[in-house]
């Protein structure tokens, strides 16, 4: 396969899903998956010397492999089998410190083997086929990573690190069904009711795919919208509604659709609203030229309490963005 790739995009675009599709069918012993976080270190990733007591009570220090070393050992054990090192949320850690000396190995030649081997005795001692302390990444070791563009805990990645990976942008547009080549209109696309006032009959009914794409348009629009960067957008799977809830929301049976609508409202209240309030709108922009929320919303408590019961979105968002695109992505 020969891949050293970073999938990047807005939250909820399905980056991890794309990685999962890549490794589908691969034996679990050939996949080494790690979620990076701010406290993740070189010792966690590569390995470290830890004390070990033998049967006689003697204490020795033994090198305990981290996921990188385990993946490398597995790759050397059989060059005919692909091995995958998967690093989720890569930007949430200090990658320069996490990779340390093995960073040099990321530069691959035309055969996808490390151009510049390094000396690392601790790792080399774990690979029985090596006759020296020099290690290199073999061509069957693939590294797949995900990066959330809007991660608030991002550590900067330097250019030297970035250029050693292929970067693939994961779009915020609704997912395409690979078998048909067109949008999957039933995938994570429940009916959403946007309240205009306390009277349910006045609700604006749209699908989730319509709502979130219109929301993204408003977020980035520089004339009438917020004019924010695209990293503030949301993906189709920012909220995963599931097949049953999606189908139930479109049911012709009122008892089924009403129950689904209540669940959907709660999911949006408890997952999406806080993101829109803090990360997208931002309290400093609430009285700006363009706002996402209605002027009656003065606090997150107002937003939370009014959602699903009364109008929370601004006239500009509703009249200039939502209503003109109301039927954009039908179920």
C-alpha atoms as a PDB file:
ATOM      1  CA  UNK A   1       0.000   0.000   0.000  1.00  0.00           C
ATOM      2  CA  UNK A   2       2.884   2.374   0.852  1.00  0.00           C
ATOM      3  CA  UNK A   3       1.177   5.256   2.627  1.00  0.00           C
ATOM      4  CA  UNK A   4       2.386   7.878   5.049  1.00  0.00           C
ATOM      5  CA  UNK A   5      -0.644  10.131   5.192  1.00  0.00           C
ATOM      6  CA  UNK A   6      -2.459  12.630   7.368  1.00  0.00           C
ATOM      7  CA  UNK A   7      -6.227  13.001   6.987  1.00  0.00           C
ATOM      8  CA  UNK A   8      -7.258  16.486   8.065  1.00  0.00           C
ATOM      9  CA  UNK A   9     -10.493  18.426   8.204  1.00  0.00           C
ATOM     10  CA  UNK A  10     -13.159  20.014  10.372  1.00  0.00           C
ATOM     11  CA  UNK A  11     -14.584  18.094  13.338  1.00  0.00           C
ATOM     12  CA  UNK A  12     -17.064  15.383  12.393  1.00  0.00           C
ATOM     13  CA  UNK A  13     -16.005  14.909   8.767  1.00  0.00           C
ATOM     14  CA  UNK A  14     -15.251  11.201   9.194  1.00  0.00           C
ATOM     15  CA  UNK A  15     -11.456  11.194   9.260  1.00  0.00           C
ATOM     16  CA  UNK A  16     -11.231   8.185  11.562  1.00  0.00           C
ATOM     17  CA  UNK A  17     -13.830   6.410   9.433  1.00  0.00           C
ATOM     18  CA  UNK A  18     -11.649   6.884   6.350  1.00  0.00           C
ATOM     19  CA  UNK A  19      -8.704   5.373   8.215  1.00  0.00           C
ATOM     20  CA  UNK A  20     -10.910   2.493   9.309  1.00  0.00           C
ATOM     21  CA  UNK A  21     -11.878   1.861   5.688  1.00  0.00           C
ATOM     22  CA  UNK A  22      -8.196   1.764   4.747  1.00  0.00           C
ATOM     23  CA  UNK A  23      -7.395  -0.948   7.278  1.00  0.00           C
ATOM     24  CA  UNK A  24     -10.595  -2.940   6.803  1.00  0.00           C
ATOM     25  CA  UNK A  25      -9.739  -6.612   6.388  1.00  0.00           C
ATOM     26  CA  UNK A  26      -6.262  -6.227   7.915  1.00  0.00           C
ATOM     27  CA  UNK A  27      -5.552  -8.628  10.781  1.00  0.00           C
ATOM     28  CA  UNK A  28      -5.690  -6.843  14.132  1.00  0.00           C
ATOM     29  CA  UNK A  29      -2.133  -7.942  14.979  1.00  0.00           C
ATOM     30  CA  UNK A  30      -0.923  -5.848  12.035  1.00  0.00           C
ATOM     31  CA  UNK A  31      -2.631  -2.638  13.234  1.00  0.00           C
ATOM     32  CA  UNK A  32      -1.208  -0.464  16.031  1.00  0.00           C
ATOM     33  CA  UNK A  33      -3.573   2.365  16.948  1.00  0.00           C
ATOM     34  CA  UNK A  34      -2.794   5.234  19.294  1.00  0.00           C
ATOM     35  CA  UNK A  35      -4.670   8.395  20.298  1.00  0.00           C
ATOM     36  CA  UNK A  36      -2.239  11.260  20.831  1.00  0.00           C
ATOM     37  CA  UNK A  37      -2.832  13.728  23.683  1.00  0.00           C
ATOM     38  CA  UNK A  38      -0.904  16.635  25.259  1.00  0.00           C
ATOM     39  CA  UNK A  39       0.779  14.405  27.846  1.00  0.00           C
ATOM     40  CA  UNK A  40       1.878  11.764  25.312  1.00  0.00           C
ATOM     41  CA  UNK A  41       5.678  11.395  25.228  1.00  0.00           C
ATOM     42  CA  UNK A  42       8.575   9.808  23.349  1.00  0.00           C
ATOM     43  CA  UNK A  43       8.730   7.124  26.026  1.00  0.00           C
ATOM     44  CA  UNK A  44       5.053   6.290  25.490  1.00  0.00           C
ATOM     45  CA  UNK A  45       5.489   6.143  21.730  1.00  0.00           C
ATOM     46  CA  UNK A  46       8.892   4.485  21.318  1.00  0.00           C
ATOM     47  CA  UNK A  47       9.390   2.691  24.620  1.00  0.00           C
ATOM     48  CA  UNK A  48      11.232   3.108  27.889  1.00  0.00           C
ATOM     49  CA  UNK A  49      13.480   1.357  30.394  1.00  0.00           C
ATOM     50  CA  UNK A  50      11.400   0.030  33.276  1.00  0.00           C
ATOM     51  CA  UNK A  51      12.435  -1.920  36.377  1.00  0.00           C
ATOM     52  CA  UNK A  52      11.727  -5.641  36.402  1.00  0.00           C
ATOM     53  CA  UNK A  53      12.237  -8.048  39.312  1.00  0.00           C
ATOM     54  CA  UNK A  54      13.294 -11.648  38.646  1.00  0.00           C
ATOM     55  CA  UNK A  55      12.461 -14.714  40.725  1.00  0.00           C
ATOM     56  CA  UNK A  56      15.498 -14.094  42.934  1.00  0.00           C
ATOM     57  CA  UNK A  57      14.401 -10.558  43.750  1.00  0.00           C
ATOM     58  CA  UNK A  58      17.032  -8.909  41.586  1.00  0.00           C
ATOM     59  CA  UNK A  59      15.969  -5.725  39.858  1.00  0.00           C
ATOM     60  CA  UNK A  60      17.023  -5.011  36.282  1.00  0.00           C
ATOM     61  CA  UNK A  61      15.948  -2.378  33.806  1.00  0.00           C
ATOM     62  CA  UNK A  62      14.303  -3.718  30.654  1.00  0.00           C
ATOM     63  CA  UNK A  63      13.251  -1.815  27.533  1.00  0.00           C
ATOM     64  CA  UNK A  64       9.456  -2.012  27.181  1.00  0.00           C
ATOM     65  CA  UNK A  65       8.309  -1.270  23.649  1.00  0.00           C
ATOM     66  CA  UNK A  66       5.849   1.460  22.753  1.00  0.00           C
ATOM     67  CA  UNK A  67       3.446   1.183  19.779  1.00  0.00           C
ATOM     68  CA  UNK A  68       6.002   2.513  17.285  1.00  0.00           C
ATOM     69  CA  UNK A  69       8.557  -0.134  18.223  1.00  0.00           C
ATOM     70  CA  UNK A  70       5.939  -2.905  18.296  1.00  0.00           C
ATOM     71  CA  UNK A  71       4.738  -1.889  14.822  1.00  0.00           C
ATOM     72  CA  UNK A  72       8.309  -1.797  13.511  1.00  0.00           C
ATOM     73  CA  UNK A  73       9.099  -5.235  14.953  1.00  0.00           C
ATOM     74  CA  UNK A  74       5.928  -6.625  13.373  1.00  0.00           C
ATOM     75  CA  UNK A  75       6.803  -5.103   9.990  1.00  0.00           C
ATOM     76  CA  UNK A  76      10.296  -6.647  10.058  1.00  0.00           C
ATOM     77  CA  UNK A  77       8.858 -10.058  10.942  1.00  0.00           C
ATOM     78  CA  UNK A  78       7.255 -10.465   7.508  1.00  0.00           C
ATOM     79  CA  UNK A  79       7.924  -7.971   4.731  1.00  0.00           C
ATOM     80  CA  UNK A  80       5.127  -9.465   2.602  1.00  0.00           C
ATOM     81  CA  UNK A  81       2.409  -8.291   5.042  1.00  0.00           C
ATOM     82  CA  UNK A  82       1.282  -4.677   5.404  1.00  0.00           C
ATOM     83  CA  UNK A  83       1.517  -3.175   8.894  1.00  0.00           C
ATOM     84  CA  UNK A  84      -0.328  -0.009   9.953  1.00  0.00           C
ATOM     85  CA  UNK A  85       0.618   2.485  12.629  1.00  0.00           C
ATOM     86  CA  UNK A  86      -2.468   4.668  13.169  1.00  0.00           C
ATOM     87  CA  UNK A  87      -2.052   7.934  15.061  1.00  0.00           C
ATOM     88  CA  UNK A  88      -5.357   9.601  15.926  1.00  0.00           C
ATOM     89  CA  UNK A  89      -5.532  13.315  16.848  1.00  0.00           C
ATOM     90  CA  UNK A  90      -1.885  13.814  15.897  1.00  0.00           C
ATOM     91  CA  UNK A  91      -1.943  17.578  16.419  1.00  0.00           C
ATOM     92  CA  UNK A  92      -2.935  17.280  20.078  1.00  0.00           C
ATOM     93  CA  UNK A  93       0.609  16.322  21.034  1.00  0.00           C
ATOM     94  CA  UNK A  94       4.078  17.761  20.550  1.00  0.00           C
ATOM     95  CA  UNK A  95       5.037  15.618  17.557  1.00  0.00           C
ATOM     96  CA  UNK A  96       8.658  16.801  17.507  1.00  0.00           C
ATOM     97  CA  UNK A  97       9.122  15.534  21.058  1.00  0.00           C
ATOM     98  CA  UNK A  98       7.020  12.399  20.536  1.00  0.00           C
ATOM     99  CA  UNK A  99       8.949  11.244  17.456  1.00  0.00           C
ATOM    100  CA  UNK A 100      12.351  12.390  18.673  1.00  0.00           C
ATOM    101  CA  UNK A 101      15.176  10.694  16.761  1.00  0.00           C
ATOM    102  CA  UNK A 102      12.859   8.461  14.709  1.00  0.00           C
ATOM    103  CA  UNK A 103      11.608  11.594  12.929  1.00  0.00           C
ATOM    104  CA  UNK A 104      14.561  11.110  10.575  1.00  0.00           C
ATOM    105  CA  UNK A 105      13.105   7.784   9.449  1.00  0.00           C
ATOM    106  CA  UNK A 106       9.994   9.439   8.005  1.00  0.00           C
ATOM    107  CA  UNK A 107      11.898  10.555   4.916  1.00  0.00           C
ATOM    108  CA  UNK A 108      11.259   7.642   2.506  1.00  0.00           C
ATOM    109  CA  UNK A 109      12.951   6.798  -0.800  1.00  0.00           C
ATOM    110  CA  UNK A 110      11.361   5.601  -4.056  1.00  0.00           C
ATOM    111  CA  UNK A 111      10.961   2.130  -2.541  1.00  0.00           C
ATOM    112  CA  UNK A 112       9.230   3.630   0.542  1.00  0.00           C
ATOM    113  CA  UNK A 113      12.145   2.695   2.783  1.00  0.00           C
ATOM    114  CA  UNK A 114      13.767   5.242   5.126  1.00  0.00           C
ATOM    115  CA  UNK A 115      16.438   7.216   3.290  1.00  0.00           C
ATOM    116  CA  UNK A 116      18.432   7.846   6.427  1.00  0.00           C
ATOM    117  CA  UNK A 117      18.621   5.022   9.010  1.00  0.00           C
ATOM    118  CA  UNK A 118      19.405   5.948  12.597  1.00  0.00           C
ATOM    119  CA  UNK A 119      21.207   4.234  15.463  1.00  0.00           C
ATOM    120  CA  UNK A 120      18.858   3.143  18.222  1.00  0.00           C
ATOM    121  CA  UNK A 121      20.071   0.153  20.201  1.00  0.00           C
ATOM    122  CA  UNK A 122      16.932  -0.231  22.306  1.00  0.00           C
ATOM    123  CA  UNK A 123      14.755  -0.639  19.229  1.00  0.00           C
ATOM    124  CA  UNK A 124      17.332  -2.627  17.220  1.00  0.00           C
ATOM    125  CA  UNK A 125      17.675  -5.190  20.011  1.00  0.00           C
ATOM    126  CA  UNK A 126      13.980  -6.041  19.590  1.00  0.00           C
ATOM    127  CA  UNK A 127      14.394  -6.868  15.887  1.00  0.00           C
ATOM    128  CA  UNK A 128      16.119 -10.238  15.725  1.00  0.00           C
ATOM    129  CA  UNK A 129      16.959  -9.972  12.019  1.00  0.00           C
ATOM    130  CA  UNK A 130      19.125  -6.854  12.484  1.00  0.00           C
ATOM    131  CA  UNK A 131      22.872  -7.308  12.823  1.00  0.00           C
ATOM    132  CA  UNK A 132      23.605  -3.717  13.902  1.00  0.00           C
ATOM    133  CA  UNK A 133      21.989  -0.900  15.825  1.00  0.00           C
ATOM    134  CA  UNK A 134      20.822   0.852  12.664  1.00  0.00           C
ATOM    135  CA  UNK A 135      17.059   0.887  12.091  1.00  0.00           C
ATOM    136  CA  UNK A 136      14.914   2.032   9.154  1.00  0.00           C
ATOM    137  CA  UNK A 137      11.256   1.971   8.254  1.00  0.00           C
ATOM    138  CA  UNK A 138      10.567  -0.879   5.800  1.00  0.00           C
ATOM    139  CA  UNK A 139       8.209  -0.395   2.875  1.00  0.00           C
ATOM    140  CA  UNK A 140       5.430  -2.454   4.461  1.00  0.00           C
ATOM    141  CA  UNK A 141       5.081  -0.099   7.457  1.00  0.00           C
ATOM    142  CA  UNK A 142       2.315   2.416   6.725  1.00  0.00           C
ATOM    143  CA  UNK A 143       1.594   5.406   8.955  1.00  0.00           C
ATOM    144  CA  UNK A 144      -1.921   6.886   8.898  1.00  0.00           C
ATOM    145  CA  UNK A 145      -2.834   9.915  11.007  1.00  0.00           C
ATOM    146  CA  UNK A 146      -5.814  12.174  11.672  1.00  0.00           C
ATOM    147  CA  UNK A 147      -5.727  15.889  12.456  1.00  0.00           C
ATOM    148  CA  UNK A 148      -8.683  17.966  13.581  1.00  0.00           C
ATOM    149  CA  UNK A 149      -8.288  21.420  12.052  1.00  0.00           C
ATOM    150  CA  UNK A 150     -10.195  23.066  14.899  1.00  0.00           C
ATOM    151  CA  UNK A 151      -8.465  21.348  17.815  1.00  0.00           C
ATOM    152  CA  UNK A 152      -7.964  23.950  20.528  1.00  0.00           C
ATOM    153  CA  UNK A 153      -5.012  22.000  21.957  1.00  0.00           C
ATOM    154  CA  UNK A 154      -3.035  21.970  18.723  1.00  0.00           C
ATOM    155  CA  UNK A 155       0.755  21.973  18.935  1.00  0.00           C
ATOM    156  CA  UNK A 156       2.407  23.590  15.909  1.00  0.00           C
ATOM    157  CA  UNK A 157       3.920  21.169  13.387  1.00  0.00           C
ATOM    158  CA  UNK A 158       7.035  22.409  11.663  1.00  0.00           C
ATOM    159  CA  UNK A 159       7.385  22.311   7.891  1.00  0.00           C
ATOM    160  CA  UNK A 160      10.016  19.569   7.986  1.00  0.00           C
ATOM    161  CA  UNK A 161       7.577  17.260   9.742  1.00  0.00           C
ATOM    162  CA  UNK A 162       4.610  18.185   7.543  1.00  0.00           C
ATOM    163  CA  UNK A 163       6.412  17.615   4.258  1.00  0.00           C
ATOM    164  CA  UNK A 164       7.215  14.020   5.135  1.00  0.00           C
ATOM    165  CA  UNK A 165       3.523  13.170   4.977  1.00  0.00           C
ATOM    166  CA  UNK A 166       0.938  13.211   2.248  1.00  0.00           C
ATOM    167  CA  UNK A 167      -2.002  15.342   3.372  1.00  0.00           C
ATOM    168  CA  UNK A 168      -5.569  14.495   2.352  1.00  0.00           C
ATOM    169  CA  UNK A 169      -8.355  16.962   3.064  1.00  0.00           C
ATOM    170  CA  UNK A 170     -11.624  15.437   4.251  1.00  0.00           C
ATOM    171  CA  UNK A 171     -14.476  17.596   2.996  1.00  0.00           C
ATOM    172  CA  UNK A 172     -17.440  18.819   5.030  1.00  0.00           C
ATOM    173  CA  UNK A 173     -19.795  17.999   2.146  1.00  0.00           C
ATOM    174  CA  UNK A 174     -22.262  15.109   2.612  1.00  0.00           C
ATOM    175  CA  UNK A 175     -20.709  11.700   2.107  1.00  0.00           C
ATOM    176  CA  UNK A 176     -20.698  10.121  -1.322  1.00  0.00           C
ATOM    177  CA  UNK A 177     -21.775   6.510  -1.700  1.00  0.00           C
ATOM    178  CA  UNK A 178     -18.825   4.811  -3.476  1.00  0.00           C
ATOM    179  CA  UNK A 179     -21.165   2.304  -5.172  1.00  0.00           C
ATOM    180  CA  UNK A 180     -23.331   4.980  -6.817  1.00  0.00           C
ATOM    181  CA  UNK A 181     -20.962   7.965  -6.934  1.00  0.00           C
ATOM    182  CA  UNK A 182     -23.696  10.237  -5.567  1.00  0.00           C
ATOM    183  CA  UNK A 183     -24.783  11.569  -2.193  1.00  0.00           C
ATOM    184  CA  UNK A 184     -26.201   9.038   0.223  1.00  0.00           C
ATOM    185  CA  UNK A 185     -29.379  10.924   1.105  1.00  0.00           C
ATOM    186  CA  UNK A 186     -30.339   8.550   3.928  1.00  0.00           C
ATOM    187  CA  UNK A 187     -26.957   8.489   5.680  1.00  0.00           C
ATOM    188  CA  UNK A 188     -27.068  10.400   8.976  1.00  0.00           C
ATOM    189  CA  UNK A 189     -29.775  12.675   7.585  1.00  0.00           C
ATOM    190  CA  UNK A 190     -32.672  12.925  10.054  1.00  0.00           C
ATOM    191  CA  UNK A 191     -35.398  15.526   9.956  1.00  0.00           C
ATOM    192  CA  UNK A 192     -34.593  18.636  12.006  1.00  0.00           C
ATOM    193  CA  UNK A 193     -37.202  21.122  13.256  1.00  0.00           C
ATOM    194  CA  UNK A 194     -35.981  24.719  13.574  1.00  0.00           C
ATOM    195  CA  UNK A 195     -38.239  26.666  15.933  1.00  0.00           C
ATOM    196  CA  UNK A 196     -39.433  30.109  14.888  1.00  0.00           C
ATOM    197  CA  UNK A 197     -41.621  30.769  17.947  1.00  0.00           C
ATOM    198  CA  UNK A 198     -43.347  28.676  20.619  1.00  0.00           C
ATOM    199  CA  UNK A 199     -45.912  27.416  18.080  1.00  0.00           C
ATOM    200  CA  UNK A 200     -44.752  24.033  16.659  1.00  0.00           C
ATOM    201  CA  UNK A 201     -46.749  24.612  13.466  1.00  0.00           C
ATOM    202  CA  UNK A 202     -44.393  27.449  12.565  1.00  0.00           C
ATOM    203  CA  UNK A 203     -41.263  25.288  12.706  1.00  0.00           C
ATOM    204  CA  UNK A 204     -39.007  25.134   9.658  1.00  0.00           C
ATOM    205  CA  UNK A 205     -38.376  21.491   8.780  1.00  0.00           C
ATOM    206  CA  UNK A 206     -35.086  20.619   7.111  1.00  0.00           C
ATOM    207  CA  UNK A 207     -32.789  17.625   7.007  1.00  0.00           C
ATOM    208  CA  UNK A 208     -29.574  17.471   9.001  1.00  0.00           C
ATOM    209  CA  UNK A 209     -27.488  17.448   5.810  1.00  0.00           C
ATOM    210  CA  UNK A 210     -29.227  20.656   4.736  1.00  0.00           C
ATOM    211  CA  UNK A 211     -28.928  22.300   8.143  1.00  0.00           C
ATOM    212  CA  UNK A 212     -25.258  21.632   8.796  1.00  0.00           C
ATOM    213  CA  UNK A 213     -24.158  22.603   5.248  1.00  0.00           C
ATOM    214  CA  UNK A 214     -26.132  25.854   5.465  1.00  0.00           C
ATOM    215  CA  UNK A 215     -24.588  26.425   8.884  1.00  0.00           C
ATOM    216  CA  UNK A 216     -21.138  25.957   7.333  1.00  0.00           C
ATOM    217  CA  UNK A 217     -22.006  28.418   4.592  1.00  0.00           C
ATOM    218  CA  UNK A 218     -23.003  31.023   7.173  1.00  0.00           C
ATOM    219  CA  UNK A 219     -19.872  30.384   9.214  1.00  0.00           C
ATOM    220  CA  UNK A 220     -17.540  31.131   6.293  1.00  0.00           C
ATOM    221  CA  UNK A 221     -19.550  33.703   4.319  1.00  0.00           C
ATOM    222  CA  UNK A 222     -17.689  37.014   4.477  1.00  0.00           C
ATOM    223  CA  UNK A 223     -20.537  39.271   3.329  1.00  0.00           C
ATOM    224  CA  UNK A 224     -23.574  38.298   5.399  1.00  0.00           C
ATOM    225  CA  UNK A 225     -22.232  35.501   7.550  1.00  0.00           C
ATOM    226  CA  UNK A 226     -19.607  35.265  10.260  1.00  0.00           C
ATOM    227  CA  UNK A 227     -16.631  35.263   7.882  1.00  0.00           C
ATOM    228  CA  UNK A 228     -14.789  32.685   9.967  1.00  0.00           C
ATOM    229  CA  UNK A 229     -12.160  30.213   8.766  1.00  0.00           C
ATOM    230  CA  UNK A 230     -13.331  26.845   7.483  1.00  0.00           C
ATOM    231  CA  UNK A 231     -11.797  25.095  10.469  1.00  0.00           C
ATOM    232  CA  UNK A 232     -14.836  26.320  12.435  1.00  0.00           C
ATOM    233  CA  UNK A 233     -17.204  24.326  10.245  1.00  0.00           C
ATOM    234  CA  UNK A 234     -18.766  21.021  11.249  1.00  0.00           C
ATOM    235  CA  UNK A 235     -18.856  17.715   9.414  1.00  0.00           C
ATOM    236  CA  UNK A 236     -21.754  15.419   8.635  1.00  0.00           C
ATOM    237  CA  UNK A 237     -20.843  13.161  11.545  1.00  0.00           C
ATOM    238  CA  UNK A 238     -20.314  15.879  14.156  1.00  0.00           C
ATOM    239  CA  UNK A 239     -23.414  14.239  15.586  1.00  0.00           C
ATOM    240  CA  UNK A 240     -23.919  10.591  14.684  1.00  0.00           C
ATOM    241  CA  UNK A 241     -27.681  10.046  14.738  1.00  0.00           C
ATOM    242  CA  UNK A 242     -27.607   6.438  13.542  1.00  0.00           C
ATOM    243  CA  UNK A 243     -29.752   4.701  10.960  1.00  0.00           C
ATOM    244  CA  UNK A 244     -32.766   3.941  13.165  1.00  0.00           C
ATOM    245  CA  UNK A 245     -33.163   7.431  14.612  1.00  0.00           C
ATOM    246  CA  UNK A 246     -32.718   8.907  11.137  1.00  0.00           C
ATOM    247  CA  UNK A 247     -35.429   6.652   9.672  1.00  0.00           C
ATOM    248  CA  UNK A 248     -37.746   7.200  12.646  1.00  0.00           C
ATOM    249  CA  UNK A 249     -37.547  10.972  12.247  1.00  0.00           C
ATOM    250  CA  UNK A 250     -39.004  10.632   8.752  1.00  0.00           C
ATOM    251  CA  UNK A 251     -41.717   8.160   9.796  1.00  0.00           C
ATOM    252  CA  UNK A 252     -45.333   8.863   8.858  1.00  0.00           C
ATOM    253  CA  UNK A 253     -46.351   7.560  12.293  1.00  0.00           C
ATOM    254  CA  UNK A 254     -46.564  10.657  14.556  1.00  0.00           C
ATOM    255  CA  UNK A 255     -45.741   8.762  17.744  1.00  0.00           C
ATOM    256  CA  UNK A 256     -42.518   7.446  16.178  1.00  0.00           C
ATOM    257  CA  UNK A 257     -41.476  10.713  14.534  1.00  0.00           C
ATOM    258  CA  UNK A 258     -42.274  12.789  17.652  1.00  0.00           C
ATOM    259  CA  UNK A 259     -40.177  10.519  19.862  1.00  0.00           C
ATOM    260  CA  UNK A 260     -37.329  10.737  17.343  1.00  0.00           C
ATOM    261  CA  UNK A 261     -37.632  14.528  17.206  1.00  0.00           C
ATOM    262  CA  UNK A 262     -37.256  14.766  20.979  1.00  0.00           C
ATOM    263  CA  UNK A 263     -34.118  12.613  20.923  1.00  0.00           C
ATOM    264  CA  UNK A 264     -32.662  14.630  18.038  1.00  0.00           C
ATOM    265  CA  UNK A 265     -33.333  17.911  19.855  1.00  0.00           C
ATOM    266  CA  UNK A 266     -31.517  16.622  22.915  1.00  0.00           C
ATOM    267  CA  UNK A 267     -28.531  15.496  20.841  1.00  0.00           C
ATOM    268  CA  UNK A 268     -28.243  18.904  19.197  1.00  0.00           C
ATOM    269  CA  UNK A 269     -28.664  20.706  22.528  1.00  0.00           C
ATOM    270  CA  UNK A 270     -26.014  18.639  24.263  1.00  0.00           C
ATOM    271  CA  UNK A 271     -23.480  18.258  21.438  1.00  0.00           C
ATOM    272  CA  UNK A 272     -23.758  21.093  18.926  1.00  0.00           C
ATOM    273  CA  UNK A 273     -24.916  24.184  20.810  1.00  0.00           C
ATOM    274  CA  UNK A 274     -21.892  24.549  23.084  1.00  0.00           C
ATOM    275  CA  UNK A 275     -19.583  24.294  20.060  1.00  0.00           C
ATOM    276  CA  UNK A 276     -21.551  26.941  18.165  1.00  0.00           C
ATOM    277  CA  UNK A 277     -21.627  29.212  21.216  1.00  0.00           C
ATOM    278  CA  UNK A 278     -17.976  28.999  22.243  1.00  0.00           C
ATOM    279  CA  UNK A 279     -16.000  28.098  19.120  1.00  0.00           C
ATOM    280  CA  UNK A 280     -18.063  29.369  16.193  1.00  0.00           C
ATOM    281  CA  UNK A 281     -19.982  32.458  17.279  1.00  0.00           C
ATOM    282  CA  UNK A 282     -17.780  33.402  20.211  1.00  0.00           C
ATOM    283  CA  UNK A 283     -19.108  35.702  22.896  1.00  0.00           C
ATOM    284  CA  UNK A 284     -17.055  38.591  21.516  1.00  0.00           C
ATOM    285  CA  UNK A 285     -18.997  38.493  18.227  1.00  0.00           C
ATOM    286  CA  UNK A 286     -22.500  38.398  19.692  1.00  0.00           C
ATOM    287  CA  UNK A 287     -23.134  42.061  18.907  1.00  0.00           C
ATOM    288  CA  UNK A 288     -21.248  42.172  15.640  1.00  0.00           C
ATOM    289  CA  UNK A 289     -22.575  42.889  12.174  1.00  0.00           C
ATOM    290  CA  UNK A 290     -23.609  39.283  11.633  1.00  0.00           C
ATOM    291  CA  UNK A 291     -24.596  36.908  14.373  1.00  0.00           C
ATOM    292  CA  UNK A 292     -25.734  33.306  14.279  1.00  0.00           C
ATOM    293  CA  UNK A 293     -28.106  33.714  17.199  1.00  0.00           C
ATOM    294  CA  UNK A 294     -31.192  35.827  17.763  1.00  0.00           C
ATOM    295  CA  UNK A 295     -30.813  39.097  19.678  1.00  0.00           C
ATOM    296  CA  UNK A 296     -32.864  37.599  22.535  1.00  0.00           C
ATOM    297  CA  UNK A 297     -29.997  35.195  23.299  1.00  0.00           C
ATOM    298  CA  UNK A 298     -27.786  36.792  25.935  1.00  0.00           C
ATOM    299  CA  UNK A 299     -26.209  33.726  27.505  1.00  0.00           C
ATOM    300  CA  UNK A 300     -25.592  30.057  26.870  1.00  0.00           C
ATOM    301  CA  UNK A 301     -28.347  29.330  29.368  1.00  0.00           C
ATOM    302  CA  UNK A 302     -30.780  31.296  27.162  1.00  0.00           C
ATOM    303  CA  UNK A 303     -29.603  29.345  24.142  1.00  0.00           C
ATOM    304  CA  UNK A 304     -29.908  25.991  25.856  1.00  0.00           C
ATOM    305  CA  UNK A 305     -33.306  26.670  27.373  1.00  0.00           C
ATOM    306  CA  UNK A 306     -34.862  28.161  24.230  1.00  0.00           C
ATOM    307  CA  UNK A 307     -33.636  25.568  21.730  1.00  0.00           C
ATOM    308  CA  UNK A 308     -36.575  23.514  20.457  1.00  0.00           C
ATOM    309  CA  UNK A 309     -39.069  25.821  22.170  1.00  0.00           C
ATOM    310  CA  UNK A 310     -38.514  29.266  20.689  1.00  0.00           C
ATOM    311  CA  UNK A 311     -36.481  31.102  18.069  1.00  0.00           C
ATOM    312  CA  UNK A 312     -32.704  31.008  18.683  1.00  0.00           C
ATOM    313  CA  UNK A 313     -31.226  31.742  15.252  1.00  0.00           C
ATOM    314  CA  UNK A 314     -30.876  35.213  13.757  1.00  0.00           C
ATOM    315  CA  UNK A 315     -33.113  36.541  10.980  1.00  0.00           C
ATOM    316  CA  UNK A 316     -30.090  36.746   8.688  1.00  0.00           C
ATOM    317  CA  UNK A 317     -29.267  33.069   9.152  1.00  0.00           C
ATOM    318  CA  UNK A 318     -32.897  31.992   8.716  1.00  0.00           C
ATOM    319  CA  UNK A 319     -33.986  34.292   5.889  1.00  0.00           C
ATOM    320  CA  UNK A 320     -30.791  34.622   3.854  1.00  0.00           C
ATOM    321  CA  UNK A 321     -29.282  31.172   4.324  1.00  0.00           C
ATOM    322  CA  UNK A 322     -31.643  28.510   5.685  1.00  0.00           C
ATOM    323  CA  UNK A 323     -34.933  29.189   3.899  1.00  0.00           C
ATOM    324  CA  UNK A 324     -33.382  29.628   0.399  1.00  0.00           C
ATOM    325  CA  UNK A 325     -31.640  26.264   0.848  1.00  0.00           C
ATOM    326  CA  UNK A 326     -34.429  24.497   2.695  1.00  0.00           C
ATOM    327  CA  UNK A 327     -34.682  21.643   0.177  1.00  0.00           C
ATOM    328  CA  UNK A 328     -30.997  21.428  -0.706  1.00  0.00           C
ATOM    329  CA  UNK A 329     -30.366  17.908   0.609  1.00  0.00           C
ATOM    330  CA  UNK A 330     -33.640  15.953   0.891  1.00  0.00           C
ATOM    331  CA  UNK A 331     -33.930  12.573   2.582  1.00  0.00           C
END
